[in-house]
């Protein structure tokens, strides 16, 4: 919806990281644009240097993802957008309350989009989403597009969507929004507990880059022994996940774009493992996971 409100046309190119949930890429495709897949860096967010190398005369915008709760390099992204006259649309679906240089994500681009899927840092009573913008034209067009392109009850100015948000869920979201900072503080405290407990093990732990405030939607570690560790934890009734095992540029749905290889993305997807974290987890539950991970490496 936001991409259509930006006026994206068929065959426009949009820079987008491959290492993201596929819906980010779906939005580009549904808008008629061509996704140009970009590699990531150690924060798992978009590599600005790789993005810069892929800008062409057809590139109109940049859609970075603040992945796992960590903001992308917004200084570098905004510099690139300014230099190459690109619009910026922030995917904040996993980063409610995350900040860059003290400013909350979603406030840096022409618009930002958030998800209220039940596992997100801020949810409602089910699914839903939010667009934030300070562009009056984008706001007006999004309001029209979300309700079938209506100008009024009977007149449709364009083909739109049925994306009206349920008022009851919105009311729940307004209550939980007041608790978001506290819930994020709890996630950060649990992440710090993981970091202290897992220190010294042969793992790559998540880090905050300078200027970033991570809100730990997910706690993602890396190890070459990922599959064995996941099996070991499962045997001890500890659930883990992989976000995401198949990069977006390798999905069958986008084969026709003939995306080039992305070496770093393709390497990390074989090593990443998501450990349990949420604002509702207890210290004892994190300690249980830490103890099991230590047990695994002691036996190696």
C-alpha atoms as a PDB file:
ATOM      1  CA  UNK A   1       0.000   0.000   0.000  1.00  0.00           C
ATOM      2  CA  UNK A   2       2.793   2.413   0.881  1.00  0.00           C
ATOM      3  CA  UNK A   3       4.688   1.566  -2.296  1.00  0.00           C
ATOM      4  CA  UNK A   4       1.610   2.302  -4.400  1.00  0.00           C
ATOM      5  CA  UNK A   5       1.139   5.540  -2.477  1.00  0.00           C
ATOM      6  CA  UNK A   6       4.714   6.446  -3.448  1.00  0.00           C
ATOM      7  CA  UNK A   7       3.733   6.062  -7.114  1.00  0.00           C
ATOM      8  CA  UNK A   8       5.926   3.051  -7.879  1.00  0.00           C
ATOM      9  CA  UNK A   9       5.587   1.987 -11.515  1.00  0.00           C
ATOM     10  CA  UNK A  10       6.118  -1.269 -13.378  1.00  0.00           C
ATOM     11  CA  UNK A  11       9.805  -2.123 -13.813  1.00  0.00           C
ATOM     12  CA  UNK A  12      11.018   0.456 -11.294  1.00  0.00           C
ATOM     13  CA  UNK A  13      13.777  -1.069  -9.176  1.00  0.00           C
ATOM     14  CA  UNK A  14      13.689  -1.126  -5.373  1.00  0.00           C
ATOM     15  CA  UNK A  15      16.690  -2.048  -3.228  1.00  0.00           C
ATOM     16  CA  UNK A  16      15.738  -4.644  -0.619  1.00  0.00           C
ATOM     17  CA  UNK A  17      17.740  -7.030   1.589  1.00  0.00           C
ATOM     18  CA  UNK A  18      17.421 -10.707   0.742  1.00  0.00           C
ATOM     19  CA  UNK A  19      17.762 -11.704   4.398  1.00  0.00           C
ATOM     20  CA  UNK A  20      14.258 -10.845   5.542  1.00  0.00           C
ATOM     21  CA  UNK A  21      10.824 -12.390   5.832  1.00  0.00           C
ATOM     22  CA  UNK A  22       9.520 -12.850   2.287  1.00  0.00           C
ATOM     23  CA  UNK A  23       6.551 -10.441   2.734  1.00  0.00           C
ATOM     24  CA  UNK A  24       9.004  -7.539   2.383  1.00  0.00           C
ATOM     25  CA  UNK A  25       9.803  -8.760  -1.121  1.00  0.00           C
ATOM     26  CA  UNK A  26       6.169  -9.579  -1.889  1.00  0.00           C
ATOM     27  CA  UNK A  27       5.262  -5.931  -1.374  1.00  0.00           C
ATOM     28  CA  UNK A  28       7.800  -4.858  -3.988  1.00  0.00           C
ATOM     29  CA  UNK A  29       6.526  -7.473  -6.431  1.00  0.00           C
ATOM     30  CA  UNK A  30       2.846  -6.633  -5.918  1.00  0.00           C
ATOM     31  CA  UNK A  31       3.625  -2.966  -6.568  1.00  0.00           C
ATOM     32  CA  UNK A  32       4.914  -3.988 -10.014  1.00  0.00           C
ATOM     33  CA  UNK A  33       8.505  -3.057  -9.199  1.00  0.00           C
ATOM     34  CA  UNK A  34      11.603  -5.243  -9.496  1.00  0.00           C
ATOM     35  CA  UNK A  35      13.303  -6.235  -6.221  1.00  0.00           C
ATOM     36  CA  UNK A  36      17.067  -5.699  -6.333  1.00  0.00           C
ATOM     37  CA  UNK A  37      18.475  -7.989  -3.664  1.00  0.00           C
ATOM     38  CA  UNK A  38      21.182  -6.667  -1.366  1.00  0.00           C
ATOM     39  CA  UNK A  39      23.547  -8.496   0.987  1.00  0.00           C
ATOM     40  CA  UNK A  40      23.670  -7.914   4.755  1.00  0.00           C
ATOM     41  CA  UNK A  41      26.357  -7.160   7.332  1.00  0.00           C
ATOM     42  CA  UNK A  42      27.159  -8.537  10.799  1.00  0.00           C
ATOM     43  CA  UNK A  43      24.050  -6.897  12.291  1.00  0.00           C
ATOM     44  CA  UNK A  44      21.969  -8.940   9.786  1.00  0.00           C
ATOM     45  CA  UNK A  45      20.695  -5.671   8.323  1.00  0.00           C
ATOM     46  CA  UNK A  46      21.398  -4.327   4.857  1.00  0.00           C
ATOM     47  CA  UNK A  47      24.977  -3.710   3.696  1.00  0.00           C
ATOM     48  CA  UNK A  48      24.905  -0.124   2.432  1.00  0.00           C
ATOM     49  CA  UNK A  49      28.063  -0.550   0.318  1.00  0.00           C
ATOM     50  CA  UNK A  50      26.504  -3.494  -1.508  1.00  0.00           C
ATOM     51  CA  UNK A  51      23.302  -1.498  -1.960  1.00  0.00           C
ATOM     52  CA  UNK A  52      25.254   1.410  -3.433  1.00  0.00           C
ATOM     53  CA  UNK A  53      26.907  -0.892  -5.973  1.00  0.00           C
ATOM     54  CA  UNK A  54      23.477  -2.022  -7.198  1.00  0.00           C
ATOM     55  CA  UNK A  55      21.856   1.347  -7.855  1.00  0.00           C
ATOM     56  CA  UNK A  56      20.970   1.784 -11.542  1.00  0.00           C
ATOM     57  CA  UNK A  57      19.126   4.335 -13.642  1.00  0.00           C
ATOM     58  CA  UNK A  58      15.907   2.402 -12.890  1.00  0.00           C
ATOM     59  CA  UNK A  59      16.332   2.434  -9.100  1.00  0.00           C
ATOM     60  CA  UNK A  60      13.714   4.602  -7.401  1.00  0.00           C
ATOM     61  CA  UNK A  61      13.847   3.600  -3.739  1.00  0.00           C
ATOM     62  CA  UNK A  62      15.366   1.735  -0.829  1.00  0.00           C
ATOM     63  CA  UNK A  63      13.392  -0.605   1.452  1.00  0.00           C
ATOM     64  CA  UNK A  64      15.717  -1.539   4.349  1.00  0.00           C
ATOM     65  CA  UNK A  65      14.559  -3.919   7.087  1.00  0.00           C
ATOM     66  CA  UNK A  66      15.285  -3.347  10.769  1.00  0.00           C
ATOM     67  CA  UNK A  67      15.719  -7.066  11.302  1.00  0.00           C
ATOM     68  CA  UNK A  68      15.393  -9.005  14.576  1.00  0.00           C
ATOM     69  CA  UNK A  69      14.851  -5.684  16.386  1.00  0.00           C
ATOM     70  CA  UNK A  70      18.143  -4.087  15.293  1.00  0.00           C
ATOM     71  CA  UNK A  71      18.005  -0.879  13.243  1.00  0.00           C
ATOM     72  CA  UNK A  72      19.728  -0.793   9.885  1.00  0.00           C
ATOM     73  CA  UNK A  73      22.506   1.744   9.238  1.00  0.00           C
ATOM     74  CA  UNK A  74      20.199   4.699   8.746  1.00  0.00           C
ATOM     75  CA  UNK A  75      23.030   7.237   8.432  1.00  0.00           C
ATOM     76  CA  UNK A  76      24.474   5.336   5.482  1.00  0.00           C
ATOM     77  CA  UNK A  77      21.057   4.581   4.003  1.00  0.00           C
ATOM     78  CA  UNK A  78      19.922   8.202   4.142  1.00  0.00           C
ATOM     79  CA  UNK A  79      23.225   9.388   2.653  1.00  0.00           C
ATOM     80  CA  UNK A  80      22.827   6.962  -0.257  1.00  0.00           C
ATOM     81  CA  UNK A  81      19.186   7.968  -0.790  1.00  0.00           C
ATOM     82  CA  UNK A  82      20.104  11.663  -0.809  1.00  0.00           C
ATOM     83  CA  UNK A  83      23.028  11.165  -3.211  1.00  0.00           C
ATOM     84  CA  UNK A  84      21.038   9.036  -5.674  1.00  0.00           C
ATOM     85  CA  UNK A  85      17.620  10.719  -5.275  1.00  0.00           C
ATOM     86  CA  UNK A  86      15.910   7.621  -3.870  1.00  0.00           C
ATOM     87  CA  UNK A  87      12.916   7.506  -1.566  1.00  0.00           C
ATOM     88  CA  UNK A  88      13.242   5.583   1.709  1.00  0.00           C
ATOM     89  CA  UNK A  89      10.578   3.229   3.083  1.00  0.00           C
ATOM     90  CA  UNK A  90      11.478   1.602   6.430  1.00  0.00           C
ATOM     91  CA  UNK A  91      10.326  -1.950   7.188  1.00  0.00           C
ATOM     92  CA  UNK A  92       9.915  -1.766  10.973  1.00  0.00           C
ATOM     93  CA  UNK A  93       7.861  -4.958  11.309  1.00  0.00           C
ATOM     94  CA  UNK A  94      10.341  -6.460  13.806  1.00  0.00           C
ATOM     95  CA  UNK A  95      11.558  -3.258  15.440  1.00  0.00           C
ATOM     96  CA  UNK A  96       8.803  -1.482  17.379  1.00  0.00           C
ATOM     97  CA  UNK A  97      10.582   1.009  19.642  1.00  0.00           C
ATOM     98  CA  UNK A  98      14.066   0.403  18.235  1.00  0.00           C
ATOM     99  CA  UNK A  99      16.099   3.568  17.769  1.00  0.00           C
ATOM    100  CA  UNK A 100      18.979   4.978  15.754  1.00  0.00           C
ATOM    101  CA  UNK A 101      21.007   7.851  17.214  1.00  0.00           C
ATOM    102  CA  UNK A 102      18.221   8.353  19.777  1.00  0.00           C
ATOM    103  CA  UNK A 103      15.391   8.596  17.227  1.00  0.00           C
ATOM    104  CA  UNK A 104      12.811   5.836  16.843  1.00  0.00           C
ATOM    105  CA  UNK A 105      12.807   3.824  13.629  1.00  0.00           C
ATOM    106  CA  UNK A 106      10.004   4.677  11.256  1.00  0.00           C
ATOM    107  CA  UNK A 107      10.792   8.391  11.519  1.00  0.00           C
ATOM    108  CA  UNK A 108      13.662   8.465   9.008  1.00  0.00           C
ATOM    109  CA  UNK A 109      12.030   7.678   5.679  1.00  0.00           C
ATOM    110  CA  UNK A 110       9.153   8.982   3.637  1.00  0.00           C
ATOM    111  CA  UNK A 111       7.134   6.362   5.511  1.00  0.00           C
ATOM    112  CA  UNK A 112       7.604   3.403   7.837  1.00  0.00           C
ATOM    113  CA  UNK A 113       5.550   0.237   8.167  1.00  0.00           C
ATOM    114  CA  UNK A 114       4.933  -1.909  11.256  1.00  0.00           C
ATOM    115  CA  UNK A 115       3.371  -5.338  11.817  1.00  0.00           C
ATOM    116  CA  UNK A 116       1.163  -6.444  14.727  1.00  0.00           C
ATOM    117  CA  UNK A 117       1.575 -10.168  14.130  1.00  0.00           C
ATOM    118  CA  UNK A 118       1.099 -11.961  17.505  1.00  0.00           C
ATOM    119  CA  UNK A 119       4.810 -12.618  18.080  1.00  0.00           C
ATOM    120  CA  UNK A 120       5.888  -9.012  17.509  1.00  0.00           C
ATOM    121  CA  UNK A 121       7.141  -6.646  20.218  1.00  0.00           C
ATOM    122  CA  UNK A 122       3.825  -4.814  19.934  1.00  0.00           C
ATOM    123  CA  UNK A 123       0.761  -6.841  18.988  1.00  0.00           C
ATOM    124  CA  UNK A 124      -3.026  -6.537  19.203  1.00  0.00           C
ATOM    125  CA  UNK A 125      -5.538  -9.407  19.322  1.00  0.00           C
ATOM    126  CA  UNK A 126      -4.394 -10.900  16.009  1.00  0.00           C
ATOM    127  CA  UNK A 127      -2.922  -9.517  12.811  1.00  0.00           C
ATOM    128  CA  UNK A 128      -2.724  -5.971  11.601  1.00  0.00           C
ATOM    129  CA  UNK A 129      -0.312  -3.236  10.669  1.00  0.00           C
ATOM    130  CA  UNK A 130       0.493   0.449  10.740  1.00  0.00           C
ATOM    131  CA  UNK A 131       1.890   3.007   8.313  1.00  0.00           C
ATOM    132  CA  UNK A 132       3.582   6.111   9.727  1.00  0.00           C
ATOM    133  CA  UNK A 133       4.437   9.124   7.567  1.00  0.00           C
ATOM    134  CA  UNK A 134       4.775  12.898   7.759  1.00  0.00           C
ATOM    135  CA  UNK A 135       3.948  13.209   4.047  1.00  0.00           C
ATOM    136  CA  UNK A 136       0.352  14.429   3.761  1.00  0.00           C
ATOM    137  CA  UNK A 137      -0.037  13.121   0.213  1.00  0.00           C
ATOM    138  CA  UNK A 138       1.169   9.630   1.157  1.00  0.00           C
ATOM    139  CA  UNK A 139      -1.107   9.616   4.211  1.00  0.00           C
ATOM    140  CA  UNK A 140      -4.151  10.647   2.174  1.00  0.00           C
ATOM    141  CA  UNK A 141      -3.519   8.062  -0.523  1.00  0.00           C
ATOM    142  CA  UNK A 142      -2.930   5.275   2.024  1.00  0.00           C
ATOM    143  CA  UNK A 143      -6.230   6.124   3.715  1.00  0.00           C
ATOM    144  CA  UNK A 144      -7.941   5.851   0.341  1.00  0.00           C
ATOM    145  CA  UNK A 145      -6.123   2.702  -0.770  1.00  0.00           C
ATOM    146  CA  UNK A 146      -6.852   0.815   2.459  1.00  0.00           C
ATOM    147  CA  UNK A 147     -10.614   1.174   1.797  1.00  0.00           C
ATOM    148  CA  UNK A 148     -10.943   0.059  -1.836  1.00  0.00           C
ATOM    149  CA  UNK A 149      -9.740   3.401  -3.257  1.00  0.00           C
ATOM    150  CA  UNK A 150     -12.900   5.154  -2.139  1.00  0.00           C
ATOM    151  CA  UNK A 151     -13.467   8.886  -2.283  1.00  0.00           C
ATOM    152  CA  UNK A 152     -16.819   8.284  -0.564  1.00  0.00           C
ATOM    153  CA  UNK A 153     -19.207   5.381  -0.018  1.00  0.00           C
ATOM    154  CA  UNK A 154     -20.060   5.048  -3.699  1.00  0.00           C
ATOM    155  CA  UNK A 155     -17.156   6.503  -5.687  1.00  0.00           C
ATOM    156  CA  UNK A 156     -13.820   4.687  -6.148  1.00  0.00           C
ATOM    157  CA  UNK A 157     -10.961   6.809  -7.482  1.00  0.00           C
ATOM    158  CA  UNK A 158      -8.644   3.812  -7.937  1.00  0.00           C
ATOM    159  CA  UNK A 159      -8.379   0.096  -7.289  1.00  0.00           C
ATOM    160  CA  UNK A 160      -7.422  -0.334  -3.661  1.00  0.00           C
ATOM    161  CA  UNK A 161      -7.441  -2.947  -0.910  1.00  0.00           C
ATOM    162  CA  UNK A 162      -9.543  -4.119   2.005  1.00  0.00           C
ATOM    163  CA  UNK A 163      -7.021  -3.184   4.714  1.00  0.00           C
ATOM    164  CA  UNK A 164      -9.311  -1.475   7.210  1.00  0.00           C
ATOM    165  CA  UNK A 165      -8.089  -2.087  10.744  1.00  0.00           C
ATOM    166  CA  UNK A 166     -10.516  -3.525  13.293  1.00  0.00           C
ATOM    167  CA  UNK A 167     -11.412  -0.966  15.992  1.00  0.00           C
ATOM    168  CA  UNK A 168     -11.312  -3.511  18.842  1.00  0.00           C
ATOM    169  CA  UNK A 169      -7.802  -4.563  17.886  1.00  0.00           C
ATOM    170  CA  UNK A 170      -6.801  -0.915  17.601  1.00  0.00           C
ATOM    171  CA  UNK A 171      -8.080  -0.311  21.143  1.00  0.00           C
ATOM    172  CA  UNK A 172      -5.984  -3.223  22.433  1.00  0.00           C
ATOM    173  CA  UNK A 173      -2.971  -1.863  20.560  1.00  0.00           C
ATOM    174  CA  UNK A 174      -3.384   1.563  22.170  1.00  0.00           C
ATOM    175  CA  UNK A 175      -3.243  -0.043  25.614  1.00  0.00           C
ATOM    176  CA  UNK A 176      -0.216  -2.211  24.784  1.00  0.00           C
ATOM    177  CA  UNK A 177       1.552   0.744  23.159  1.00  0.00           C
ATOM    178  CA  UNK A 178       1.780   2.360  26.598  1.00  0.00           C
ATOM    179  CA  UNK A 179       3.615  -0.765  27.783  1.00  0.00           C
ATOM    180  CA  UNK A 180       5.943  -1.079  24.795  1.00  0.00           C
ATOM    181  CA  UNK A 181       8.978   0.592  26.340  1.00  0.00           C
ATOM    182  CA  UNK A 182       8.735  -1.565  29.460  1.00  0.00           C
ATOM    183  CA  UNK A 183       8.315  -4.724  27.372  1.00  0.00           C
ATOM    184  CA  UNK A 184      11.330  -3.773  25.262  1.00  0.00           C
ATOM    185  CA  UNK A 185      13.362  -3.072  28.409  1.00  0.00           C
ATOM    186  CA  UNK A 186      12.512  -6.591  29.565  1.00  0.00           C
ATOM    187  CA  UNK A 187      13.669  -8.062  26.236  1.00  0.00           C
ATOM    188  CA  UNK A 188      16.907  -6.101  26.512  1.00  0.00           C
ATOM    189  CA  UNK A 189      17.453  -7.353  30.051  1.00  0.00           C
ATOM    190  CA  UNK A 190      16.968 -10.950  28.936  1.00  0.00           C
ATOM    191  CA  UNK A 191      19.327 -10.386  26.006  1.00  0.00           C
ATOM    192  CA  UNK A 192      21.949  -9.091  28.439  1.00  0.00           C
ATOM    193  CA  UNK A 193      21.414 -12.210  30.552  1.00  0.00           C
ATOM    194  CA  UNK A 194      21.976 -14.380  27.488  1.00  0.00           C
ATOM    195  CA  UNK A 195      25.128 -12.440  26.619  1.00  0.00           C
ATOM    196  CA  UNK A 196      26.596 -12.851  30.106  1.00  0.00           C
ATOM    197  CA  UNK A 197      25.651 -16.529  30.291  1.00  0.00           C
ATOM    198  CA  UNK A 198      26.895 -17.465  26.813  1.00  0.00           C
ATOM    199  CA  UNK A 199      30.120 -15.444  26.959  1.00  0.00           C
ATOM    200  CA  UNK A 200      33.225 -17.449  26.109  1.00  0.00           C
ATOM    201  CA  UNK A 201      31.419 -20.106  24.071  1.00  0.00           C
ATOM    202  CA  UNK A 202      32.230 -20.617  20.365  1.00  0.00           C
ATOM    203  CA  UNK A 203      29.172 -18.625  19.296  1.00  0.00           C
ATOM    204  CA  UNK A 204      28.575 -15.337  17.503  1.00  0.00           C
ATOM    205  CA  UNK A 205      26.183 -13.404  19.741  1.00  0.00           C
ATOM    206  CA  UNK A 206      24.043 -10.467  18.582  1.00  0.00           C
ATOM    207  CA  UNK A 207      25.594  -7.054  19.065  1.00  0.00           C
ATOM    208  CA  UNK A 208      24.415  -3.471  18.975  1.00  0.00           C
ATOM    209  CA  UNK A 209      26.262  -1.340  16.456  1.00  0.00           C
ATOM    210  CA  UNK A 210      27.239   2.173  17.510  1.00  0.00           C
ATOM    211  CA  UNK A 211      24.180   4.422  17.638  1.00  0.00           C
ATOM    212  CA  UNK A 212      21.674   1.556  17.580  1.00  0.00           C
ATOM    213  CA  UNK A 213      19.142   0.541  20.216  1.00  0.00           C
ATOM    214  CA  UNK A 214      18.253  -3.123  19.704  1.00  0.00           C
ATOM    215  CA  UNK A 215      14.843  -4.287  20.955  1.00  0.00           C
ATOM    216  CA  UNK A 216      15.477  -8.023  20.460  1.00  0.00           C
ATOM    217  CA  UNK A 217      12.379  -9.141  18.629  1.00  0.00           C
ATOM    218  CA  UNK A 218      14.523 -12.235  18.152  1.00  0.00           C
ATOM    219  CA  UNK A 219      17.742 -13.386  19.830  1.00  0.00           C
ATOM    220  CA  UNK A 220      19.792 -14.855  16.997  1.00  0.00           C
ATOM    221  CA  UNK A 221      23.144 -16.568  17.523  1.00  0.00           C
ATOM    222  CA  UNK A 222      25.491 -18.089  14.945  1.00  0.00           C
ATOM    223  CA  UNK A 223      27.426 -21.332  15.022  1.00  0.00           C
ATOM    224  CA  UNK A 224      28.720 -23.763  12.420  1.00  0.00           C
ATOM    225  CA  UNK A 225      27.140 -26.476  14.617  1.00  0.00           C
ATOM    226  CA  UNK A 226      23.683 -24.928  14.343  1.00  0.00           C
ATOM    227  CA  UNK A 227      21.766 -28.082  13.355  1.00  0.00           C
ATOM    228  CA  UNK A 228      23.347 -30.243  16.051  1.00  0.00           C
ATOM    229  CA  UNK A 229      22.726 -27.584  18.694  1.00  0.00           C
ATOM    230  CA  UNK A 230      19.080 -27.205  17.631  1.00  0.00           C
ATOM    231  CA  UNK A 231      18.556 -30.981  17.902  1.00  0.00           C
ATOM    232  CA  UNK A 232      20.242 -31.040  21.318  1.00  0.00           C
ATOM    233  CA  UNK A 233      18.002 -28.252  22.629  1.00  0.00           C
ATOM    234  CA  UNK A 234      14.867 -29.864  21.177  1.00  0.00           C
ATOM    235  CA  UNK A 235      15.674 -33.074  23.067  1.00  0.00           C
ATOM    236  CA  UNK A 236      15.573 -30.929  26.217  1.00  0.00           C
ATOM    237  CA  UNK A 237      12.196 -29.386  25.295  1.00  0.00           C
ATOM    238  CA  UNK A 238      13.738 -26.058  24.265  1.00  0.00           C
ATOM    239  CA  UNK A 239      12.284 -24.682  21.053  1.00  0.00           C
ATOM    240  CA  UNK A 240      14.475 -22.813  18.592  1.00  0.00           C
ATOM    241  CA  UNK A 241      13.942 -21.363  15.128  1.00  0.00           C
ATOM    242  CA  UNK A 242      15.763 -20.303  11.981  1.00  0.00           C
ATOM    243  CA  UNK A 243      14.925 -16.822  10.674  1.00  0.00           C
ATOM    244  CA  UNK A 244      15.331 -17.387   7.759  1.00  0.00           C
ATOM    245  CA  UNK A 245      16.719 -20.634   6.271  1.00  0.00           C
ATOM    246  CA  UNK A 246      16.044 -19.800   2.599  1.00  0.00           C
ATOM    247  CA  UNK A 247      17.145 -16.314   1.480  1.00  0.00           C
ATOM    248  CA  UNK A 248      14.564 -14.318  -0.412  1.00  0.00           C
ATOM    249  CA  UNK A 249      16.744 -14.139  -3.540  1.00  0.00           C
ATOM    250  CA  UNK A 250      16.734 -17.953  -3.672  1.00  0.00           C
ATOM    251  CA  UNK A 251      12.966 -18.345  -3.380  1.00  0.00           C
ATOM    252  CA  UNK A 252      11.273 -20.027  -6.384  1.00  0.00           C
ATOM    253  CA  UNK A 253       8.804 -17.138  -6.640  1.00  0.00           C
ATOM    254  CA  UNK A 254      11.538 -14.711  -7.745  1.00  0.00           C
ATOM    255  CA  UNK A 255      13.616 -16.957 -10.003  1.00  0.00           C
ATOM    256  CA  UNK A 256      12.488 -14.988 -13.055  1.00  0.00           C
ATOM    257  CA  UNK A 257      14.408 -11.943 -11.785  1.00  0.00           C
ATOM    258  CA  UNK A 258      17.671 -13.946 -12.043  1.00  0.00           C
ATOM    259  CA  UNK A 259      19.124 -12.503  -8.832  1.00  0.00           C
ATOM    260  CA  UNK A 260      22.914 -12.721  -8.436  1.00  0.00           C
ATOM    261  CA  UNK A 261      24.553 -14.604  -5.533  1.00  0.00           C
ATOM    262  CA  UNK A 262      24.828 -12.896  -2.145  1.00  0.00           C
ATOM    263  CA  UNK A 263      27.825 -14.536  -0.429  1.00  0.00           C
ATOM    264  CA  UNK A 264      27.353 -13.301   3.135  1.00  0.00           C
ATOM    265  CA  UNK A 265      23.611 -13.928   3.229  1.00  0.00           C
ATOM    266  CA  UNK A 266      24.106 -17.417   1.813  1.00  0.00           C
ATOM    267  CA  UNK A 267      26.722 -18.185   4.451  1.00  0.00           C
ATOM    268  CA  UNK A 268      24.888 -16.961   7.532  1.00  0.00           C
ATOM    269  CA  UNK A 269      21.614 -18.752   6.783  1.00  0.00           C
ATOM    270  CA  UNK A 270      23.453 -22.024   7.442  1.00  0.00           C
ATOM    271  CA  UNK A 271      24.628 -20.823  10.871  1.00  0.00           C
ATOM    272  CA  UNK A 272      21.861 -18.733  12.439  1.00  0.00           C
ATOM    273  CA  UNK A 273      19.723 -20.040  15.300  1.00  0.00           C
ATOM    274  CA  UNK A 274      17.011 -18.197  17.212  1.00  0.00           C
ATOM    275  CA  UNK A 275      16.866 -18.796  20.952  1.00  0.00           C
ATOM    276  CA  UNK A 276      13.690 -18.198  22.991  1.00  0.00           C
ATOM    277  CA  UNK A 277      13.039 -14.592  23.997  1.00  0.00           C
ATOM    278  CA  UNK A 278       9.977 -12.481  24.727  1.00  0.00           C
ATOM    279  CA  UNK A 279       8.860  -9.952  27.306  1.00  0.00           C
ATOM    280  CA  UNK A 280       7.054 -12.831  29.030  1.00  0.00           C
ATOM    281  CA  UNK A 281      10.082 -15.074  29.545  1.00  0.00           C
ATOM    282  CA  UNK A 282      11.522 -15.428  33.027  1.00  0.00           C
ATOM    283  CA  UNK A 283      15.155 -15.206  34.082  1.00  0.00           C
ATOM    284  CA  UNK A 284      14.980 -18.879  35.018  1.00  0.00           C
ATOM    285  CA  UNK A 285      13.874 -19.858  31.511  1.00  0.00           C
ATOM    286  CA  UNK A 286      16.790 -17.995  29.949  1.00  0.00           C
ATOM    287  CA  UNK A 287      19.139 -19.616  32.468  1.00  0.00           C
ATOM    288  CA  UNK A 288      17.747 -23.029  31.448  1.00  0.00           C
ATOM    289  CA  UNK A 289      18.570 -22.325  27.806  1.00  0.00           C
ATOM    290  CA  UNK A 290      22.039 -21.058  28.710  1.00  0.00           C
ATOM    291  CA  UNK A 291      22.747 -24.165  30.790  1.00  0.00           C
ATOM    292  CA  UNK A 292      21.687 -26.432  27.921  1.00  0.00           C
ATOM    293  CA  UNK A 293      23.852 -24.575  25.384  1.00  0.00           C
ATOM    294  CA  UNK A 294      26.830 -24.842  27.746  1.00  0.00           C
ATOM    295  CA  UNK A 295      26.151 -28.549  28.177  1.00  0.00           C
ATOM    296  CA  UNK A 296      26.164 -28.991  24.405  1.00  0.00           C
ATOM    297  CA  UNK A 297      29.569 -27.350  23.956  1.00  0.00           C
ATOM    298  CA  UNK A 298      31.099 -29.150  26.951  1.00  0.00           C
ATOM    299  CA  UNK A 299      30.289 -32.438  25.236  1.00  0.00           C
ATOM    300  CA  UNK A 300      31.939 -31.464  21.928  1.00  0.00           C
END
